[in-house]
Amino acid sequence: MRKRSEPHTFEQRLNAQRLRLEHELSQLPDGHQRDSVVARIDQLQTAAEMHDFLMPREVATAAH
């Protein structure tokens, strides 16, 4: 039987996506595609900030 991986939290998934995009960004030349990746990284940061703001304090401290 195959072992299932542990579920990842929303914050972990956002961070993994941000790291992947930052790696991709480091390999892109200036231009439209690079600007799109920068915008996506900004969106991920905003999503993380909104999530932190909307989480109840006791749940947020228990998750960290």
N, C-alpha and C. Protein backbone atom coordinates (compact mmCIF):
# COMPACT_ATOMS: atom_id res chain seq x y z
N MET A 1 0.84 -1.17 0.00
CA MET A 1 0.00 0.00 0.00
C MET A 1 0.89 1.25 0.00
N ARG A 2 0.52 2.22 -0.78
CA ARG A 2 1.31 3.43 -0.93
C ARG A 2 1.08 4.38 0.24
N LYS A 3 2.17 4.94 0.76
CA LYS A 3 2.08 5.89 1.85
C LYS A 3 1.66 7.26 1.30
N ARG A 4 0.70 7.86 1.94
CA ARG A 4 0.24 9.19 1.51
C ARG A 4 1.07 10.26 2.20
N SER A 5 1.35 11.30 1.47
CA SER A 5 2.13 12.39 2.06
C SER A 5 1.24 13.21 3.00
N GLU A 6 1.90 13.91 3.89
CA GLU A 6 1.18 14.77 4.82
C GLU A 6 0.55 15.93 4.04
N PRO A 7 -0.65 16.33 4.40
CA PRO A 7 -1.25 17.48 3.72
C PRO A 7 -0.47 18.76 4.06
N HIS A 8 -0.37 19.62 3.12
CA HIS A 8 0.35 20.87 3.32
C HIS A 8 -0.64 21.98 3.67
N THR A 9 -0.19 22.88 4.52
CA THR A 9 -1.04 24.00 4.89
C THR A 9 -1.09 25.00 3.74
N PHE A 10 -2.05 25.88 3.81
CA PHE A 10 -2.18 26.93 2.81
C PHE A 10 -0.91 27.76 2.74
N GLU A 11 -0.36 28.09 3.92
CA GLU A 11 0.87 28.89 3.96
C GLU A 11 2.03 28.15 3.31
N GLN A 12 2.14 26.85 3.55
CA GLN A 12 3.21 26.06 2.95
C GLN A 12 3.08 26.03 1.43
N ARG A 13 1.87 25.89 0.93
CA ARG A 13 1.67 25.86 -0.52
C ARG A 13 1.99 27.22 -1.15
N LEU A 14 1.58 28.31 -0.48
CA LEU A 14 1.92 29.64 -0.98
C LEU A 14 3.43 29.84 -1.03
N ASN A 15 4.11 29.44 0.03
CA ASN A 15 5.55 29.60 0.10
C ASN A 15 6.26 28.77 -0.97
N ALA A 16 5.81 27.53 -1.17
CA ALA A 16 6.42 26.68 -2.19
C ALA A 16 6.24 27.28 -3.58
N GLN A 17 5.07 27.81 -3.84
CA GLN A 17 4.80 28.43 -5.15
C GLN A 17 5.67 29.67 -5.32
N ARG A 18 5.80 30.47 -4.25
CA ARG A 18 6.62 31.68 -4.32
C ARG A 18 8.08 31.33 -4.60
N LEU A 19 8.59 30.31 -3.92
CA LEU A 19 9.98 29.89 -4.14
C LEU A 19 10.18 29.40 -5.57
N ARG A 20 9.22 28.65 -6.10
CA ARG A 20 9.32 28.17 -7.48
C ARG A 20 9.34 29.34 -8.46
N LEU A 21 8.48 30.32 -8.23
CA LEU A 21 8.44 31.48 -9.13
C LEU A 21 9.70 32.34 -8.99
N GLU A 22 10.24 32.46 -7.79
CA GLU A 22 11.48 33.23 -7.62
C GLU A 22 12.63 32.55 -8.36
N HIS A 23 12.66 31.24 -8.34
CA HIS A 23 13.69 30.50 -9.08
C HIS A 23 13.52 30.74 -10.59
N GLU A 24 12.27 30.67 -11.05
CA GLU A 24 11.99 30.92 -12.46
C GLU A 24 12.38 32.35 -12.83
N LEU A 25 12.08 33.30 -11.94
CA LEU A 25 12.39 34.71 -12.18
C LEU A 25 13.89 34.93 -12.35
N SER A 26 14.69 34.21 -11.60
CA SER A 26 16.14 34.40 -11.67
C SER A 26 16.71 33.99 -13.03
N GLN A 27 15.95 33.23 -13.79
CA GLN A 27 16.43 32.75 -15.09
C GLN A 27 15.81 33.49 -16.27
N LEU A 28 14.95 34.46 -16.00
CA LEU A 28 14.27 35.17 -17.09
C LEU A 28 14.95 36.50 -17.40
N PRO A 29 15.03 36.84 -18.68
CA PRO A 29 15.53 38.17 -19.05
C PRO A 29 14.44 39.21 -18.82
N ASP A 30 14.81 40.49 -18.84
CA ASP A 30 13.81 41.55 -18.73
C ASP A 30 12.80 41.42 -19.86
N GLY A 31 11.56 41.73 -19.54
CA GLY A 31 10.52 41.66 -20.56
C GLY A 31 9.17 41.32 -19.96
N HIS A 32 8.22 41.08 -20.85
CA HIS A 32 6.84 40.84 -20.44
C HIS A 32 6.69 39.61 -19.55
N GLN A 33 7.35 38.52 -19.89
CA GLN A 33 7.22 37.29 -19.11
C GLN A 33 7.76 37.49 -17.69
N ARG A 34 8.88 38.19 -17.57
CA ARG A 34 9.45 38.46 -16.25
C ARG A 34 8.49 39.34 -15.43
N ASP A 35 7.91 40.34 -16.07
CA ASP A 35 6.94 41.21 -15.39
C ASP A 35 5.74 40.41 -14.89
N SER A 36 5.29 39.44 -15.67
CA SER A 36 4.17 38.59 -15.27
C SER A 36 4.51 37.76 -14.05
N VAL A 37 5.72 37.23 -14.00
CA VAL A 37 6.14 36.42 -12.85
C VAL A 37 6.26 37.31 -11.61
N VAL A 38 6.78 38.51 -11.76
CA VAL A 38 6.88 39.45 -10.63
C VAL A 38 5.48 39.77 -10.10
N ALA A 39 4.53 39.98 -10.99
CA ALA A 39 3.15 40.27 -10.59
C ALA A 39 2.55 39.09 -9.84
N ARG A 40 2.84 37.89 -10.30
CA ARG A 40 2.31 36.69 -9.64
C ARG A 40 2.91 36.53 -8.23
N ILE A 41 4.19 36.83 -8.08
CA ILE A 41 4.83 36.77 -6.76
C ILE A 41 4.17 37.79 -5.83
N ASP A 42 3.90 38.99 -6.35
CA ASP A 42 3.21 40.00 -5.55
C ASP A 42 1.82 39.52 -5.12
N GLN A 43 1.11 38.84 -6.01
CA GLN A 43 -0.21 38.30 -5.68
C GLN A 43 -0.12 37.25 -4.58
N LEU A 44 0.90 36.40 -4.64
CA LEU A 44 1.08 35.39 -3.60
C LEU A 44 1.37 36.04 -2.25
N GLN A 45 2.18 37.09 -2.26
CA GLN A 45 2.48 37.81 -1.02
C GLN A 45 1.21 38.44 -0.45
N THR A 46 0.39 39.03 -1.30
CA THR A 46 -0.86 39.62 -0.85
C THR A 46 -1.79 38.55 -0.28
N ALA A 47 -1.86 37.40 -0.94
CA ALA A 47 -2.69 36.29 -0.45
C ALA A 47 -2.23 35.84 0.93
N ALA A 48 -0.93 35.75 1.14
CA ALA A 48 -0.39 35.35 2.44
C ALA A 48 -0.74 36.38 3.51
N GLU A 49 -0.63 37.66 3.17
CA GLU A 49 -0.96 38.72 4.13
C GLU A 49 -2.44 38.71 4.46
N MET A 50 -3.28 38.51 3.46
CA MET A 50 -4.73 38.46 3.69
C MET A 50 -5.09 37.26 4.56
N HIS A 51 -4.46 36.13 4.29
CA HIS A 51 -4.72 34.94 5.08
C HIS A 51 -4.35 35.17 6.53
N ASP A 52 -3.19 35.77 6.77
CA ASP A 52 -2.77 36.07 8.14
C ASP A 52 -3.75 37.02 8.83
N PHE A 53 -4.24 37.99 8.09
CA PHE A 53 -5.16 38.97 8.64
C PHE A 53 -6.51 38.33 8.99
N LEU A 54 -6.96 37.40 8.16
CA LEU A 54 -8.29 36.81 8.34
C LEU A 54 -8.31 35.64 9.31
N MET A 55 -7.16 35.06 9.59
CA MET A 55 -7.11 33.93 10.52
C MET A 55 -7.38 34.39 11.94
N PRO A 56 -8.21 33.66 12.68
CA PRO A 56 -8.37 34.00 14.10
C PRO A 56 -7.02 33.89 14.82
N ARG A 57 -6.75 34.73 15.75
CA ARG A 57 -5.45 34.79 16.42
C ARG A 57 -5.05 33.46 17.06
N GLU A 58 -5.97 32.77 17.75
CA GLU A 58 -5.60 31.52 18.41
C GLU A 58 -5.27 30.43 17.41
N VAL A 59 -5.92 30.42 16.26
CA VAL A 59 -5.61 29.44 15.22
C VAL A 59 -4.29 29.78 14.57
N ALA A 60 -4.03 31.05 14.32
CA ALA A 60 -2.80 31.48 13.68
C ALA A 60 -1.58 31.16 14.55
N THR A 61 -1.69 31.34 15.85
CA THR A 61 -0.54 31.06 16.72
C THR A 61 -0.33 29.56 16.89
N ALA A 62 -1.39 28.78 16.85
CA ALA A 62 -1.27 27.33 16.98
C ALA A 62 -0.66 26.70 15.73
N ALA A 63 -0.88 27.31 14.57
CA ALA A 63 -0.37 26.78 13.30
C ALA A 63 1.13 27.03 13.15
N HIS A 64 1.68 28.02 13.85
CA HIS A 64 3.09 28.36 13.68
C HIS A 64 3.90 27.70 14.68
